[in-house]
Amino acid sequence: MELDAQDIMAAYDAHLSKLTRDLMLARATITALQARVSDLENTQATTDREAE
């Protein structure tokens, strides 16, 4: 099977779209993890103050 430029560009566009979705998911995951770490740090700080 011979690929022409249009086929190659369609495959490239599909791959780029998948990578973009993966990147957006990774960013959302990082943001959620950062928020969770912040919550845990705040909980720890509260616990430390209450222990004093």
N, C-alpha and C. Protein backbone atom coordinates (compact mmCIF):
# COMPACT_ATOMS: atom_id res chain seq x y z
N MET A 1 0.85 -1.18 0.00
CA MET A 1 0.00 0.00 0.00
C MET A 1 0.89 1.24 0.00
N GLU A 2 0.60 2.10 -0.91
CA GLU A 2 1.39 3.31 -1.03
C GLU A 2 0.64 4.47 -0.38
N LEU A 3 1.33 5.20 0.44
CA LEU A 3 0.72 6.35 1.10
C LEU A 3 1.03 7.62 0.34
N ASP A 4 0.02 8.44 0.18
CA ASP A 4 0.28 9.73 -0.44
C ASP A 4 0.35 10.79 0.66
N ALA A 5 0.64 12.00 0.27
CA ALA A 5 0.83 13.08 1.24
C ALA A 5 -0.42 13.29 2.09
N GLN A 6 -1.58 13.14 1.49
CA GLN A 6 -2.84 13.34 2.24
C GLN A 6 -2.99 12.28 3.33
N ASP A 7 -2.66 11.04 3.01
CA ASP A 7 -2.73 9.96 4.01
C ASP A 7 -1.75 10.21 5.15
N ILE A 8 -0.57 10.64 4.79
CA ILE A 8 0.46 10.91 5.81
C ILE A 8 0.01 12.06 6.71
N MET A 9 -0.53 13.11 6.13
CA MET A 9 -0.99 14.25 6.93
C MET A 9 -2.17 13.86 7.82
N ALA A 10 -3.06 13.01 7.33
CA ALA A 10 -4.20 12.56 8.14
C ALA A 10 -3.70 11.74 9.33
N ALA A 11 -2.73 10.87 9.09
CA ALA A 11 -2.17 10.07 10.19
C ALA A 11 -1.45 10.98 11.19
N TYR A 12 -0.71 11.94 10.69
CA TYR A 12 0.00 12.89 11.55
C TYR A 12 -0.99 13.68 12.40
N ASP A 13 -2.05 14.19 11.77
CA ASP A 13 -3.07 14.95 12.50
C ASP A 13 -3.74 14.12 13.58
N ALA A 14 -4.04 12.86 13.28
CA ALA A 14 -4.66 11.98 14.26
C ALA A 14 -3.72 11.73 15.43
N HIS A 15 -2.45 11.51 15.13
CA HIS A 15 -1.46 11.28 16.18
C HIS A 15 -1.28 12.54 17.03
N LEU A 16 -1.21 13.68 16.38
CA LEU A 16 -1.06 14.94 17.11
C LEU A 16 -2.27 15.20 18.00
N SER A 17 -3.46 14.88 17.54
CA SER A 17 -4.66 15.04 18.36
C SER A 17 -4.60 14.14 19.60
N LYS A 18 -4.14 12.91 19.42
CA LYS A 18 -4.02 12.00 20.57
C LYS A 18 -2.99 12.52 21.56
N LEU A 19 -1.86 12.99 21.06
CA LEU A 19 -0.83 13.53 21.95
C LEU A 19 -1.35 14.75 22.70
N THR A 20 -2.12 15.59 22.03
CA THR A 20 -2.69 16.77 22.67
C THR A 20 -3.66 16.37 23.78
N ARG A 21 -4.50 15.37 23.51
CA ARG A 21 -5.43 14.88 24.55
C ARG A 21 -4.66 14.31 25.73
N ASP A 22 -3.61 13.53 25.43
CA ASP A 22 -2.79 12.94 26.50
C ASP A 22 -2.13 14.03 27.34
N LEU A 23 -1.64 15.07 26.68
CA LEU A 23 -1.02 16.18 27.40
C LEU A 23 -2.03 16.90 28.29
N MET A 24 -3.22 17.12 27.78
CA MET A 24 -4.26 17.79 28.58
C MET A 24 -4.63 16.93 29.79
N LEU A 25 -4.72 15.62 29.60
CA LEU A 25 -5.01 14.71 30.72
C LEU A 25 -3.88 14.75 31.74
N ALA A 26 -2.65 14.75 31.27
CA ALA A 26 -1.50 14.80 32.18
C ALA A 26 -1.51 16.11 32.98
N ARG A 27 -1.80 17.21 32.32
CA ARG A 27 -1.86 18.51 33.01
C ARG A 27 -2.97 18.52 34.07
N ALA A 28 -4.12 17.96 33.72
CA ALA A 28 -5.23 17.90 34.68
C ALA A 28 -4.86 17.02 35.87
N THR A 29 -4.17 15.93 35.60
CA THR A 29 -3.73 15.03 36.68
C THR A 29 -2.74 15.74 37.59
N ILE A 30 -1.79 16.44 37.01
CA ILE A 30 -0.80 17.18 37.81
C ILE A 30 -1.49 18.23 38.66
N THR A 31 -2.43 18.96 38.09
CA THR A 31 -3.16 19.98 38.83
C THR A 31 -3.92 19.36 40.00
N ALA A 32 -4.57 18.23 39.76
CA ALA A 32 -5.32 17.55 40.82
C ALA A 32 -4.37 17.07 41.92
N LEU A 33 -3.22 16.54 41.53
CA LEU A 33 -2.24 16.08 42.52
C LEU A 33 -1.68 17.24 43.33
N GLN A 34 -1.43 18.37 42.68
CA GLN A 34 -0.94 19.54 43.39
C GLN A 34 -1.97 20.02 44.42
N ALA A 35 -3.23 20.01 44.04
CA ALA A 35 -4.29 20.41 44.96
C ALA A 35 -4.35 19.45 46.15
N ARG A 36 -4.21 18.16 45.88
CA ARG A 36 -4.25 17.16 46.96
C ARG A 36 -3.07 17.33 47.90
N VAL A 37 -1.88 17.57 47.36
CA VAL A 37 -0.70 17.80 48.20
C VAL A 37 -0.91 19.04 49.06
N SER A 38 -1.46 20.08 48.47
CA SER A 38 -1.74 21.30 49.23
C SER A 38 -2.71 21.02 50.38
N ASP A 39 -3.76 20.25 50.09
CA ASP A 39 -4.72 19.88 51.14
C ASP A 39 -4.04 19.09 52.26
N LEU A 40 -3.19 18.16 51.88
CA LEU A 40 -2.49 17.35 52.89
C LEU A 40 -1.53 18.20 53.71
N GLU A 41 -0.85 19.15 53.06
CA GLU A 41 0.05 20.04 53.79
C GLU A 41 -0.74 20.91 54.78
N ASN A 42 -1.90 21.39 54.36
CA ASN A 42 -2.73 22.19 55.25
C ASN A 42 -3.24 21.36 56.43
N THR A 43 -3.63 20.13 56.15
CA THR A 43 -4.08 19.24 57.22
C THR A 43 -2.95 18.98 58.21
N GLN A 44 -1.75 18.74 57.68
CA GLN A 44 -0.59 18.48 58.55
C GLN A 44 -0.28 19.71 59.40
N ALA A 45 -0.34 20.90 58.80
CA ALA A 45 -0.07 22.12 59.54
C ALA A 45 -1.09 22.32 60.65
N THR A 46 -2.35 22.02 60.36
CA THR A 46 -3.40 22.14 61.38
C THR A 46 -3.15 21.13 62.51
N THR A 47 -2.82 19.90 62.14
CA THR A 47 -2.55 18.87 63.13
C THR A 47 -1.35 19.26 64.00
N ASP A 48 -0.33 19.81 63.38
CA ASP A 48 0.86 20.23 64.13
C ASP A 48 0.52 21.34 65.12
N ARG A 49 -0.30 22.31 64.68
CA ARG A 49 -0.69 23.41 65.58
C ARG A 49 -1.53 22.89 66.75
N GLU A 50 -2.43 21.96 66.46
CA GLU A 50 -3.28 21.42 67.52
C GLU A 50 -2.49 20.58 68.51
N ALA A 51 -1.39 20.00 68.06
CA ALA A 51 -0.57 19.16 68.94
C ALA A 51 0.28 20.00 69.89
N GLU A 52 0.47 21.25 69.56
CA GLU A 52 1.32 22.11 70.43
C GLU A 52 0.64 22.50 71.72
